[in-house]
N, C-alpha and C. Protein backbone atom coordinates (compact mmCIF):
# COMPACT_ATOMS: atom_id res chain seq x y z
N MET A 1 38.20 94.75 -129.67
CA MET A 1 38.89 96.10 -128.88
C MET A 1 40.90 95.40 -128.94
N THR A 2 41.34 96.59 -128.91
CA THR A 2 42.66 96.04 -128.97
C THR A 2 43.69 96.55 -127.92
N SER A 3 44.53 96.01 -127.51
CA SER A 3 45.48 96.39 -126.29
C SER A 3 46.70 97.12 -126.50
N PRO A 4 47.10 97.83 -125.59
CA PRO A 4 48.41 98.16 -126.02
C PRO A 4 49.41 96.98 -126.26
N ASP A 5 50.64 97.26 -127.03
CA ASP A 5 51.50 96.78 -127.57
C ASP A 5 52.72 96.62 -127.07
N ASP A 6 52.45 97.20 -125.38
CA ASP A 6 53.57 96.94 -124.64
C ASP A 6 52.91 96.21 -123.59
N GLY A 7 53.96 95.91 -122.88
CA GLY A 7 54.08 95.23 -121.43
C GLY A 7 53.96 93.60 -120.94
N VAL A 8 53.65 93.34 -120.14
CA VAL A 8 53.65 91.87 -119.77
C VAL A 8 52.21 91.48 -119.64
N TYR A 9 52.00 90.57 -120.20
CA TYR A 9 50.09 89.69 -119.82
C TYR A 9 50.32 88.21 -118.88
N THR A 10 49.66 88.44 -118.40
CA THR A 10 49.48 87.08 -117.36
C THR A 10 47.88 86.62 -117.35
N ASP A 11 48.29 85.39 -117.22
CA ASP A 11 47.00 84.88 -117.05
C ASP A 11 46.94 83.26 -116.30
N GLY A 12 46.12 82.91 -115.44
CA GLY A 12 46.25 81.72 -114.84
C GLY A 12 45.27 81.22 -115.07
N SER A 13 44.63 79.77 -115.04
CA SER A 13 43.04 79.22 -114.81
C SER A 13 43.33 77.98 -113.91
N ALA A 14 42.22 77.27 -114.05
CA ALA A 14 41.98 75.97 -112.89
C ALA A 14 40.72 75.07 -113.59
N SER A 15 41.13 74.10 -114.11
CA SER A 15 39.44 73.26 -114.58
C SER A 15 39.15 71.70 -114.25
N PRO A 16 37.95 71.84 -113.36
CA PRO A 16 37.51 72.54 -112.71
C PRO A 16 38.56 73.11 -111.69
N ASN A 17 37.69 74.45 -110.82
CA ASN A 17 37.98 75.11 -109.93
C ASN A 17 37.43 74.84 -108.73
N PRO A 18 38.16 73.72 -107.79
CA PRO A 18 39.79 73.97 -107.88
C PRO A 18 39.92 72.66 -108.35
N GLY A 19 41.25 72.53 -109.22
CA GLY A 19 41.58 71.52 -110.13
C GLY A 19 42.57 71.51 -110.17
N PRO A 20 43.04 70.73 -111.41
CA PRO A 20 43.97 71.00 -112.09
C PRO A 20 44.38 72.43 -112.78
N GLY A 21 45.62 73.04 -112.81
CA GLY A 21 45.65 74.39 -113.73
C GLY A 21 46.94 74.90 -114.15
N GLY A 22 46.75 75.76 -115.28
CA GLY A 22 47.52 76.48 -115.75
C GLY A 22 47.85 77.51 -115.58
N TRP A 23 49.10 78.34 -115.73
CA TRP A 23 49.37 79.88 -116.32
C TRP A 23 50.09 80.38 -117.04
N GLY A 24 50.38 81.55 -117.62
CA GLY A 24 51.00 81.92 -118.48
C GLY A 24 51.41 83.59 -118.77
N ALA A 25 52.29 83.45 -119.38
CA ALA A 25 52.51 85.02 -119.31
C ALA A 25 53.60 85.60 -120.35
N VAL A 26 52.75 86.73 -121.24
CA VAL A 26 54.26 87.03 -122.08
C VAL A 26 54.38 88.45 -121.72
N TRP A 27 55.54 88.70 -122.70
CA TRP A 27 56.32 90.05 -122.44
C TRP A 27 56.11 90.43 -124.24
N VAL A 28 55.76 92.01 -124.03
CA VAL A 28 55.66 92.05 -125.54
C VAL A 28 56.16 93.56 -125.45
N VAL A 29 57.01 93.79 -126.49
CA VAL A 29 57.55 95.42 -126.72
C VAL A 29 57.11 95.80 -128.36
N ASP A 30 56.38 96.45 -128.55
CA ASP A 30 56.16 97.36 -129.74
C ASP A 30 55.54 96.05 -130.72
N GLY A 31 54.65 95.54 -129.82
CA GLY A 31 53.61 94.46 -130.91
C GLY A 31 54.55 92.93 -131.25
N ARG A 32 55.55 92.95 -130.13
CA ARG A 32 56.32 91.86 -130.28
C ARG A 32 56.85 90.99 -129.51
N VAL A 33 56.75 89.41 -129.21
CA VAL A 33 56.61 89.10 -128.27
C VAL A 33 58.56 88.89 -127.91
N VAL A 34 58.76 89.56 -126.80
CA VAL A 34 59.96 89.52 -126.42
C VAL A 34 60.53 87.78 -125.36
N ALA A 35 59.46 87.32 -124.95
CA ALA A 35 59.94 86.13 -124.24
C ALA A 35 58.18 85.64 -123.70
N GLU A 36 57.85 84.82 -123.25
CA GLU A 36 56.82 84.02 -122.80
C GLU A 36 57.24 83.06 -121.50
N ALA A 37 56.46 82.51 -120.77
CA ALA A 37 56.69 81.49 -120.04
C ALA A 37 55.45 80.82 -120.10
N HIS A 38 54.98 79.53 -119.80
CA HIS A 38 53.92 79.04 -119.17
C HIS A 38 54.05 77.51 -118.12
N GLY A 39 53.38 77.28 -117.77
CA GLY A 39 53.24 75.76 -116.85
C GLY A 39 52.04 75.40 -116.47
N HIS A 40 52.21 73.94 -116.26
CA HIS A 40 50.85 73.39 -115.37
C HIS A 40 51.34 72.68 -113.82
N GLU A 41 50.24 72.81 -113.16
CA GLU A 41 50.03 71.64 -111.98
C GLU A 41 48.55 71.15 -111.83
N PRO A 42 49.42 69.90 -112.21
CA PRO A 42 48.55 68.71 -112.00
C PRO A 42 47.76 68.62 -111.29
N GLY A 43 47.99 69.05 -110.24
CA GLY A 43 47.34 68.62 -108.97
C GLY A 43 45.93 69.60 -108.39
N LYS A 44 45.62 69.35 -107.03
CA LYS A 44 44.65 70.38 -107.09
C LYS A 44 45.10 71.51 -106.76
N THR A 45 44.45 72.27 -107.45
CA THR A 45 45.35 74.28 -107.30
C THR A 45 43.82 74.63 -107.87
N THR A 46 43.93 76.23 -107.80
CA THR A 46 42.65 76.95 -108.24
C THR A 46 43.28 77.70 -108.87
N ASN A 47 41.76 78.86 -109.68
CA ASN A 47 42.36 79.59 -110.52
C ASN A 47 43.08 80.97 -110.20
N ASN A 48 43.04 81.16 -108.40
CA ASN A 48 43.65 82.37 -107.84
C ASN A 48 45.25 82.03 -107.53
N ARG A 49 45.37 80.59 -107.13
CA ARG A 49 46.97 80.48 -107.52
C ARG A 49 47.81 80.42 -108.41
N MET A 50 47.27 79.93 -109.67
CA MET A 50 47.36 80.38 -110.67
C MET A 50 47.51 81.78 -110.99
N GLU A 51 46.92 82.51 -111.21
CA GLU A 51 46.65 84.02 -111.56
C GLU A 51 48.19 84.45 -110.72
N LEU A 52 48.25 83.73 -109.18
CA LEU A 52 49.06 84.81 -108.73
C LEU A 52 50.66 84.31 -109.52
N THR A 53 50.75 83.09 -109.75
CA THR A 53 51.90 82.17 -110.47
C THR A 53 52.33 82.73 -111.82
N ALA A 54 51.33 83.16 -112.34
CA ALA A 54 51.67 84.04 -113.71
C ALA A 54 51.95 85.36 -113.51
N VAL A 55 51.70 86.04 -112.73
CA VAL A 55 52.49 87.20 -112.24
C VAL A 55 53.20 87.22 -112.08
N ARG A 56 53.74 86.24 -110.93
CA ARG A 56 55.29 86.55 -110.35
C ARG A 56 56.27 86.05 -111.96
N ALA A 57 55.91 85.06 -112.51
CA ALA A 57 56.47 84.58 -113.98
C ALA A 57 56.65 85.49 -114.89
N GLY A 58 55.31 86.27 -114.76
CA GLY A 58 55.32 87.31 -115.37
C GLY A 58 56.74 88.11 -115.57
N ALA A 59 56.58 88.41 -113.90
CA ALA A 59 57.51 89.52 -113.30
C ALA A 59 59.22 89.13 -113.94
N GLU A 60 59.11 88.05 -113.95
CA GLU A 60 60.27 87.12 -114.21
C GLU A 60 61.05 87.46 -115.41
N LEU A 61 59.74 87.70 -116.29
CA LEU A 61 60.47 88.06 -117.56
C LEU A 61 61.40 89.34 -118.08
N VAL A 62 60.75 90.29 -117.39
CA VAL A 62 61.92 91.57 -117.77
C VAL A 62 63.22 91.72 -116.65
N PRO A 63 63.49 92.12 -117.55
CA PRO A 63 65.29 91.96 -116.32
C PRO A 63 65.14 93.09 -115.41
N ASP A 64 65.70 93.52 -114.59
CA ASP A 64 65.77 94.12 -113.40
C ASP A 64 66.40 95.34 -114.31
N GLY A 65 65.80 96.44 -113.77
CA GLY A 65 66.27 98.01 -114.14
C GLY A 65 64.92 98.35 -115.45
N THR A 66 64.41 97.25 -116.07
CA THR A 66 63.58 97.50 -117.24
C THR A 66 62.01 97.93 -116.79
N SER A 67 62.02 98.97 -117.31
CA SER A 67 60.16 99.37 -116.65
C SER A 67 58.91 98.56 -117.46
N ALA A 68 58.19 98.03 -117.35
CA ALA A 68 57.06 97.62 -117.89
C ALA A 68 55.83 97.49 -116.79
N VAL A 69 54.83 97.46 -117.67
CA VAL A 69 53.27 97.15 -117.22
C VAL A 69 52.94 95.60 -117.38
N ILE A 70 52.69 94.92 -116.02
CA ILE A 70 52.18 93.93 -115.99
C ILE A 70 50.48 93.93 -115.99
N TRP A 71 50.33 93.27 -116.84
CA TRP A 71 48.82 93.10 -116.99
C TRP A 71 47.96 91.47 -116.60
N CYS A 72 47.03 92.29 -115.43
CA CYS A 72 46.60 90.73 -114.85
C CYS A 72 44.60 91.00 -115.08
N ASP A 73 44.18 90.00 -115.55
CA ASP A 73 43.00 90.18 -115.84
C ASP A 73 41.68 89.36 -114.13
N SER A 74 42.75 89.54 -113.33
CA SER A 74 42.51 88.93 -111.89
C SER A 74 42.38 90.41 -111.25
N ARG A 75 40.92 90.53 -110.75
CA ARG A 75 41.25 91.86 -109.80
C ARG A 75 41.57 91.78 -108.56
N LEU A 76 41.33 90.05 -107.84
CA LEU A 76 41.98 89.81 -106.75
C LEU A 76 43.20 89.71 -106.46
N VAL A 77 43.71 89.17 -107.10
CA VAL A 77 45.31 89.57 -107.76
C VAL A 77 45.63 90.82 -107.55
N VAL A 78 45.24 91.67 -108.71
CA VAL A 78 46.15 93.20 -108.28
C VAL A 78 45.35 93.91 -107.33
N GLN A 79 44.31 93.87 -106.95
CA GLN A 79 43.82 94.51 -105.16
C GLN A 79 44.88 94.00 -104.55
N THR A 80 44.65 92.79 -104.22
CA THR A 80 46.13 91.68 -103.05
C THR A 80 47.18 92.81 -103.28
N MET A 81 47.64 93.43 -104.39
CA MET A 81 49.05 93.60 -104.28
C MET A 81 49.82 94.53 -103.94
N ASN A 82 48.39 95.84 -105.04
CA ASN A 82 48.23 97.21 -105.11
C ASN A 82 47.79 97.39 -103.76
N GLU A 83 46.48 96.90 -103.30
CA GLU A 83 46.24 97.59 -101.66
C GLU A 83 45.89 96.93 -100.86
N TRP A 84 46.25 95.59 -100.68
CA TRP A 84 45.64 94.92 -99.33
C TRP A 84 46.93 94.50 -98.78
N ALA A 85 48.13 94.06 -99.14
CA ALA A 85 49.45 93.47 -98.87
C ALA A 85 49.69 93.67 -97.94
N ALA A 86 50.29 95.63 -98.24
CA ALA A 86 50.64 95.92 -97.22
C ALA A 86 50.79 95.83 -96.24
N GLY A 87 48.89 96.52 -95.82
CA GLY A 87 48.39 96.28 -94.42
C GLY A 87 48.63 94.95 -94.02
N TRP A 88 48.43 93.81 -94.79
CA TRP A 88 48.16 92.70 -94.00
C TRP A 88 49.81 92.26 -93.54
N ARG A 89 50.90 93.00 -93.83
CA ARG A 89 52.24 92.76 -93.73
C ARG A 89 52.25 93.80 -92.18
N ARG A 90 51.46 94.64 -91.92
CA ARG A 90 52.06 95.36 -91.02
C ARG A 90 51.12 95.32 -90.03
N ASN A 91 50.00 93.97 -90.00
CA ASN A 91 49.50 92.94 -89.16
C ASN A 91 50.70 91.45 -89.01
N GLY A 92 51.65 91.23 -89.45
CA GLY A 92 52.05 90.43 -89.89
C GLY A 92 51.59 89.06 -90.22
N TRP A 93 50.78 89.90 -91.48
CA TRP A 93 50.71 88.56 -92.74
C TRP A 93 49.43 88.36 -92.04
N ARG A 94 48.22 89.29 -91.39
CA ARG A 94 47.13 88.43 -91.17
C ARG A 94 45.96 89.40 -91.68
N ARG A 95 44.58 88.64 -91.69
CA ARG A 95 43.36 90.13 -92.22
C ARG A 95 42.84 89.98 -91.21
N ARG A 96 42.12 91.17 -90.67
CA ARG A 96 41.09 91.44 -89.67
C ARG A 96 39.91 90.05 -89.84
N ARG A 97 39.96 89.21 -90.77
CA ARG A 97 38.54 88.47 -90.70
C ARG A 97 39.41 87.04 -90.85
N GLY A 98 40.75 86.68 -90.70
CA GLY A 98 41.44 85.99 -90.76
C GLY A 98 42.79 85.16 -91.33
N PRO A 99 42.85 84.00 -91.78
CA PRO A 99 44.62 83.81 -92.32
C PRO A 99 44.45 84.68 -93.76
N VAL A 100 45.65 85.10 -94.60
CA VAL A 100 46.08 85.34 -95.94
C VAL A 100 45.49 83.95 -96.62
N GLU A 101 44.75 83.83 -97.51
CA GLU A 101 44.42 82.77 -98.74
C GLU A 101 45.99 82.87 -99.04
N ASN A 102 46.48 81.71 -99.89
CA ASN A 102 47.48 81.63 -100.87
C ASN A 102 48.99 81.94 -100.39
N LEU A 103 48.96 82.59 -98.81
CA LEU A 103 49.98 83.27 -98.35
C LEU A 103 51.58 82.81 -98.84
N ASP A 104 51.55 81.21 -99.32
CA ASP A 104 52.75 80.81 -99.77
C ASP A 104 53.26 81.27 -100.66
N LEU A 105 52.42 82.33 -101.70
CA LEU A 105 52.57 83.25 -103.03
C LEU A 105 51.99 84.37 -103.10
N VAL A 106 51.41 84.90 -102.03
CA VAL A 106 51.23 85.88 -102.28
C VAL A 106 52.19 86.89 -101.33
N ARG A 107 52.98 86.89 -100.73
CA ARG A 107 54.13 87.21 -99.48
C ARG A 107 55.45 87.30 -100.62
N PRO A 108 55.71 86.41 -101.34
CA PRO A 108 57.11 86.14 -102.21
C PRO A 108 56.53 87.13 -103.35
N LEU A 109 55.31 87.06 -103.90
CA LEU A 109 54.87 87.77 -105.02
C LEU A 109 55.26 89.23 -104.59
N PHE A 110 54.57 89.87 -103.34
CA PHE A 110 54.18 91.43 -102.80
C PHE A 110 56.09 91.44 -102.68
N GLU A 111 56.71 90.97 -101.86
CA GLU A 111 57.88 91.16 -101.92
C GLU A 111 58.65 91.55 -103.16
N HIS A 112 58.67 90.45 -103.95
CA HIS A 112 59.21 90.27 -105.41
C HIS A 112 58.97 91.90 -106.16
N LEU A 113 57.14 92.49 -106.33
CA LEU A 113 57.20 93.48 -106.52
C LEU A 113 57.36 94.89 -106.36
N GLU A 114 58.05 94.66 -104.79
CA GLU A 114 58.01 95.92 -104.10
C GLU A 114 59.43 96.59 -104.10
N SER A 115 60.44 94.71 -104.53
CA SER A 115 61.63 95.20 -104.82
C SER A 115 61.87 95.69 -106.34
N ARG A 116 60.57 95.76 -107.08
CA ARG A 116 61.02 96.07 -108.59
C ARG A 116 59.82 97.25 -108.55
N PRO A 117 60.37 98.33 -108.43
CA PRO A 117 59.39 99.67 -108.37
C PRO A 117 58.99 100.17 -110.03
N GLU A 118 59.81 99.48 -110.98
CA GLU A 118 59.90 99.85 -112.14
C GLU A 118 58.76 99.00 -112.66
N LEU A 119 58.26 98.20 -112.07
CA LEU A 119 56.78 97.28 -112.49
C LEU A 119 55.89 97.95 -112.21
N GLU A 120 54.86 97.80 -112.80
CA GLU A 120 53.38 98.35 -112.27
C GLU A 120 52.36 97.29 -112.75
N LEU A 121 51.66 96.74 -112.05
CA LEU A 121 50.70 95.81 -111.34
C LEU A 121 49.26 96.35 -112.07
N ARG A 122 48.63 96.37 -113.65
CA ARG A 122 47.12 96.58 -113.52
C ARG A 122 46.55 95.66 -114.01
N TRP A 123 45.10 96.34 -114.14
CA TRP A 123 43.99 95.13 -114.31
C TRP A 123 43.49 95.40 -115.93
N ILE A 124 43.33 94.15 -116.01
CA ILE A 124 42.71 94.45 -117.64
C ILE A 124 41.40 93.62 -117.64
N LYS A 125 40.54 93.71 -118.48
CA LYS A 125 39.46 93.02 -118.49
C LYS A 125 39.48 91.48 -119.29
N ALA A 126 39.05 90.65 -118.94
CA ALA A 126 39.22 89.55 -119.38
C ALA A 126 38.65 89.15 -120.78
N HIS A 127 38.84 88.28 -121.62
CA HIS A 127 37.73 87.63 -122.55
C HIS A 127 37.27 89.59 -123.54
N ALA A 128 37.55 89.91 -123.29
CA ALA A 128 37.29 91.43 -124.05
C ALA A 128 38.00 91.81 -125.66
N GLY A 129 38.63 90.93 -126.05
CA GLY A 129 39.21 90.78 -127.42
C GLY A 129 40.31 91.70 -127.20
N HIS A 130 41.32 91.69 -125.78
CA HIS A 130 43.10 92.78 -125.82
C HIS A 130 43.74 91.15 -126.18
N ARG A 131 44.12 91.33 -127.03
CA ARG A 131 45.39 90.54 -128.69
C ARG A 131 46.02 89.85 -126.90
N TRP A 132 46.74 90.69 -126.70
CA TRP A 132 47.90 90.07 -125.78
C TRP A 132 47.24 89.10 -124.43
N ASN A 133 45.92 89.88 -123.79
CA ASN A 133 45.06 89.22 -122.94
C ASN A 133 45.00 87.24 -123.17
N GLU A 134 44.65 87.71 -124.52
CA GLU A 134 43.67 86.49 -124.90
C GLU A 134 45.11 85.59 -125.31
N TYR A 135 46.43 85.93 -125.97
CA TYR A 135 47.34 85.29 -125.93
C TYR A 135 47.97 84.66 -124.75
N ALA A 136 48.10 85.14 -123.48
CA ALA A 136 48.47 84.64 -122.44
C ALA A 136 47.43 84.08 -121.90
N ASP A 137 46.35 83.63 -122.36
CA ASP A 137 45.10 83.34 -121.51
C ASP A 137 45.06 81.63 -122.69
N GLY A 138 45.94 81.65 -123.67
CA GLY A 138 46.12 80.52 -124.10
C GLY A 138 47.18 79.67 -123.80
N LEU A 139 48.01 80.80 -123.71
CA LEU A 139 49.22 79.71 -122.98
C LEU A 139 48.86 79.07 -121.11
N ALA A 140 48.41 79.82 -120.43
CA ALA A 140 47.66 79.30 -119.03
C ALA A 140 46.50 77.96 -119.87
N THR A 141 45.44 78.14 -121.06
CA THR A 141 44.67 76.88 -121.02
C THR A 141 45.53 75.78 -122.09
N ARG A 142 46.80 76.42 -122.22
CA ARG A 142 47.96 74.85 -123.26
C ARG A 142 47.82 73.52 -122.48
N TRP A 143 47.58 73.53 -121.78
CA TRP A 143 47.75 72.05 -120.68
C TRP A 143 47.09 71.47 -121.12
N MET A 144 45.81 71.66 -121.45
CA MET A 144 44.17 71.22 -121.57
C MET A 144 44.49 70.45 -122.87
N ARG A 145 44.81 71.39 -123.66
CA ARG A 145 44.76 70.41 -125.30
C ARG A 145 45.80 69.75 -125.50
């Protein structure tokens, strides 16, 4: 299966989870890499924190005013940003069932994406042969090699 040749592809991982982790983001236009970024958290982190970090880094690859789809293979991150975070903000950044996890990353990412309406966050299936999603996965796991 192939994926679109345009957009920002992001991925995050922790091994074990929780444990050390990494994240990666690649911006592709017409099948060509325009920019990429990756990083590593040597301490104890989670795959969710690395996914959030990757989306933020990916958004920052795209210049202000430039439209792009950000592809993320974490349903949790996509749902958090697109469905739940606005309600949590209305409730003082609280959920009905307790505190918002990873609020130190969730809140600034939500506010950043909200300030960038030209960016759209969408889910993509992981490990399904999507070329650029696999590329982002390679960036996220580079620290392990």
